[in-house]
Protein backbone atom coordinates (compact mmCIF):
# COMPACT_ATOMS: atom_id res chain seq x y z
CA UNK A 1 169.40 -42.11 -179.43
CA UNK A 2 167.84 -38.15 -179.69
CA UNK A 3 169.69 -35.28 -179.29
CA UNK A 4 169.63 -31.42 -179.05
CA UNK A 5 171.63 -29.46 -180.78
CA UNK A 6 174.08 -31.75 -181.85
CA UNK A 7 174.86 -33.34 -177.57
CA UNK A 8 175.84 -35.83 -176.49
CA UNK A 9 173.14 -38.55 -174.36
CA UNK A 10 175.58 -37.19 -171.07
CA UNK A 11 174.97 -33.49 -171.91
CA UNK A 12 171.46 -33.41 -172.90
CA UNK A 13 170.71 -35.26 -169.24
CA UNK A 14 172.65 -32.80 -167.78
CA UNK A 15 170.73 -29.92 -169.77
CA UNK A 16 167.38 -31.80 -168.90
CA UNK A 17 167.73 -31.90 -165.24
CA UNK A 18 168.80 -28.42 -164.85
CA UNK A 19 166.38 -26.80 -166.48
CA UNK A 20 163.78 -29.43 -164.58
CA UNK A 21 165.26 -28.47 -161.78
CA UNK A 22 165.21 -24.24 -161.97
CA UNK A 23 161.57 -25.24 -162.11
CA UNK A 24 161.07 -27.35 -159.64
CA UNK A 25 160.53 -25.07 -156.79
CA UNK A 26 159.84 -27.77 -154.09
CA UNK A 27 163.10 -29.75 -155.17
CA UNK A 28 164.88 -26.52 -154.31
CA UNK A 29 162.60 -25.88 -151.14
CA UNK A 30 163.85 -29.43 -149.86
CA UNK A 31 167.21 -28.21 -150.38
CA UNK A 32 167.86 -31.58 -153.17
CA UNK A 33 171.75 -31.14 -154.22
CA UNK A 34 172.73 -33.35 -157.78
CA UNK A 35 175.70 -35.48 -157.14
CA UNK A 36 175.62 -37.72 -159.90
CA UNK A 37 173.35 -37.34 -163.71
CA UNK A 38 173.18 -39.41 -166.29
CA UNK A 39 171.05 -40.84 -169.18
CA UNK A 40 168.50 -42.78 -166.82
CA UNK A 41 170.39 -41.90 -164.23
CA UNK A 42 171.35 -40.14 -160.60
CA UNK A 43 172.03 -39.89 -157.41
CA UNK A 44 169.99 -36.83 -155.23
CA UNK A 45 171.00 -35.99 -151.63
CA UNK A 46 169.76 -33.41 -148.91
CA UNK A 47 169.71 -32.94 -144.96
CA UNK A 48 166.95 -33.07 -142.80
CA UNK A 49 165.73 -30.38 -141.23
CA UNK A 50 163.70 -29.82 -138.23
CA UNK A 51 160.48 -28.41 -139.95
CA UNK A 52 161.02 -31.77 -142.30
CA UNK A 53 160.31 -34.09 -138.87
CA UNK A 54 157.03 -36.08 -137.61
CA UNK A 55 155.63 -36.01 -134.33
CA UNK A 56 158.05 -39.03 -133.51
CA UNK A 57 161.16 -36.95 -133.87
CA UNK A 58 161.87 -38.96 -137.39
CA UNK A 59 161.90 -37.42 -140.93
CA UNK A 60 158.27 -37.56 -142.47
CA UNK A 61 157.33 -39.96 -145.28
CA UNK A 62 156.96 -37.31 -147.27
CA UNK A 63 160.87 -36.10 -147.55
CA UNK A 64 162.21 -39.46 -148.46
CA UNK A 65 158.89 -39.94 -150.63
CA UNK A 66 160.01 -36.19 -152.35
CA UNK A 67 163.20 -37.28 -152.81
CA UNK A 68 162.94 -40.59 -154.14
CA UNK A 69 160.08 -38.79 -156.30
CA UNK A 70 163.08 -36.39 -157.49
CA UNK A 71 165.25 -38.79 -158.28
CA UNK A 72 162.96 -40.89 -160.46
CA UNK A 73 161.76 -37.68 -162.38
CA UNK A 74 165.14 -36.86 -163.00
CA UNK A 75 166.44 -40.07 -164.24
CA UNK A 76 163.89 -41.01 -166.67
CA UNK A 77 163.67 -37.38 -168.13
CA UNK A 78 167.11 -37.56 -168.94
CA UNK A 79 166.66 -39.28 -172.36
CA UNK A 80 165.47 -35.75 -173.54
CA UNK A 81 161.76 -36.28 -173.28
CA UNK A 82 158.69 -35.77 -170.93
CA UNK A 83 158.20 -38.50 -168.77
CA UNK A 84 155.26 -39.08 -166.46
CA UNK A 85 154.87 -41.01 -162.91
CA UNK A 86 151.76 -43.75 -163.43
CA UNK A 87 152.86 -45.15 -160.10
CA UNK A 88 155.15 -45.20 -157.45
CA UNK A 89 155.30 -46.30 -153.75
CA UNK A 90 157.97 -46.99 -151.09
CA UNK A 91 158.57 -48.78 -148.84
CA UNK A 92 159.94 -47.84 -145.29
CA UNK A 93 163.35 -49.16 -143.88
CA UNK A 94 164.65 -47.58 -141.18
CA UNK A 95 164.05 -43.53 -140.04
CA UNK A 96 166.36 -40.41 -140.69
CA UNK A 97 166.77 -37.99 -138.08
CA UNK A 98 167.20 -34.06 -138.21
CA UNK A 99 170.64 -33.12 -139.63
CA UNK A 100 170.64 -36.83 -140.99
CA UNK A 101 171.95 -36.50 -145.01
CA UNK A 102 169.69 -38.55 -147.33
CA UNK A 103 170.76 -39.77 -150.74
CA UNK A 104 168.33 -41.34 -153.14
CA UNK A 105 170.27 -43.00 -156.31
CA UNK A 106 168.08 -44.67 -159.14
CA UNK A 107 168.57 -47.88 -160.75
CA UNK A 108 166.80 -48.36 -164.29
CA UNK A 109 165.34 -51.42 -164.52
CA UNK A 110 163.28 -51.29 -167.68
CA UNK A 111 163.26 -48.33 -170.43
CA UNK A 112 161.55 -49.27 -173.26
CA UNK A 113 159.96 -46.54 -176.05
CA UNK A 114 156.73 -45.49 -173.68
CA UNK A 115 157.70 -46.39 -170.62
CA UNK A 116 160.03 -47.48 -167.76
CA UNK A 117 160.37 -49.20 -164.51
CA UNK A 118 162.96 -47.40 -161.88
CA UNK A 119 164.36 -48.58 -158.07
CA UNK A 120 165.45 -46.19 -156.91
CA UNK A 121 167.43 -46.91 -153.25
CA UNK A 122 167.66 -44.36 -150.25
CA UNK A 123 170.04 -44.51 -147.91
CA UNK A 124 172.00 -42.33 -144.70
CA UNK A 125 175.42 -41.24 -145.76
CA UNK A 126 177.37 -44.18 -144.03
CA UNK A 127 174.71 -46.77 -146.92
CA UNK A 128 172.42 -48.04 -144.46
CA UNK A 129 169.22 -48.09 -146.35
CA UNK A 130 166.17 -46.03 -145.62
CA UNK A 131 163.83 -47.33 -148.07
CA UNK A 132 163.20 -48.70 -151.55
CA UNK A 133 161.41 -46.74 -153.66
CA UNK A 134 159.46 -47.98 -157.37
CA UNK A 135 157.61 -46.21 -159.69
CA UNK A 136 156.77 -46.76 -163.66
CA UNK A 137 156.39 -44.12 -165.62
CA UNK A 138 154.94 -43.24 -169.31
CA UNK A 139 157.42 -41.49 -172.04
CA UNK A 140 155.51 -39.13 -174.44
CA UNK A 141 156.70 -37.70 -177.74
CA UNK A 142 157.14 -34.38 -176.10
CA UNK A 143 160.34 -33.21 -175.95
CA UNK A 144 162.17 -30.91 -173.37
CA UNK A 145 163.87 -28.94 -175.65
CA UNK A 146 161.96 -27.67 -179.17
CA UNK A 147 164.89 -28.15 -181.36
CA UNK A 148 165.29 -31.79 -180.57
CA UNK A 149 165.84 -34.53 -183.45
CA UNK A 150 163.81 -37.31 -183.54
């Protein structure tokens, strides 16, 4: 496993996610908050605001997609190397409304040297499923930190 300055995998995952989130203006605008960060795994949350609603007074589908996409990126990149999405899709199961808290949690399905596959489970605080997101990523050799050892 690669390390930066002899950091353990957990410390590396936290450092990468903190770095990414600090530069991710869209996730910040959404109000995404980290709950869990670990190598290959994150749990994020956001509260649905009025400006996130569509004409049916439910969260625009892009909000759930963006939350899941951020979870995917943070989880996959947590190993220390830049990972980029090749393909993603979201199946919508239930709506979210203004004031609801949406939670996205990743499940790593496959993790090889070049690719990774994740499911992101999106739910309400009470556990009611909102959607299921699938993402396929390409893992590059580019390290998030220049002093990362191979």
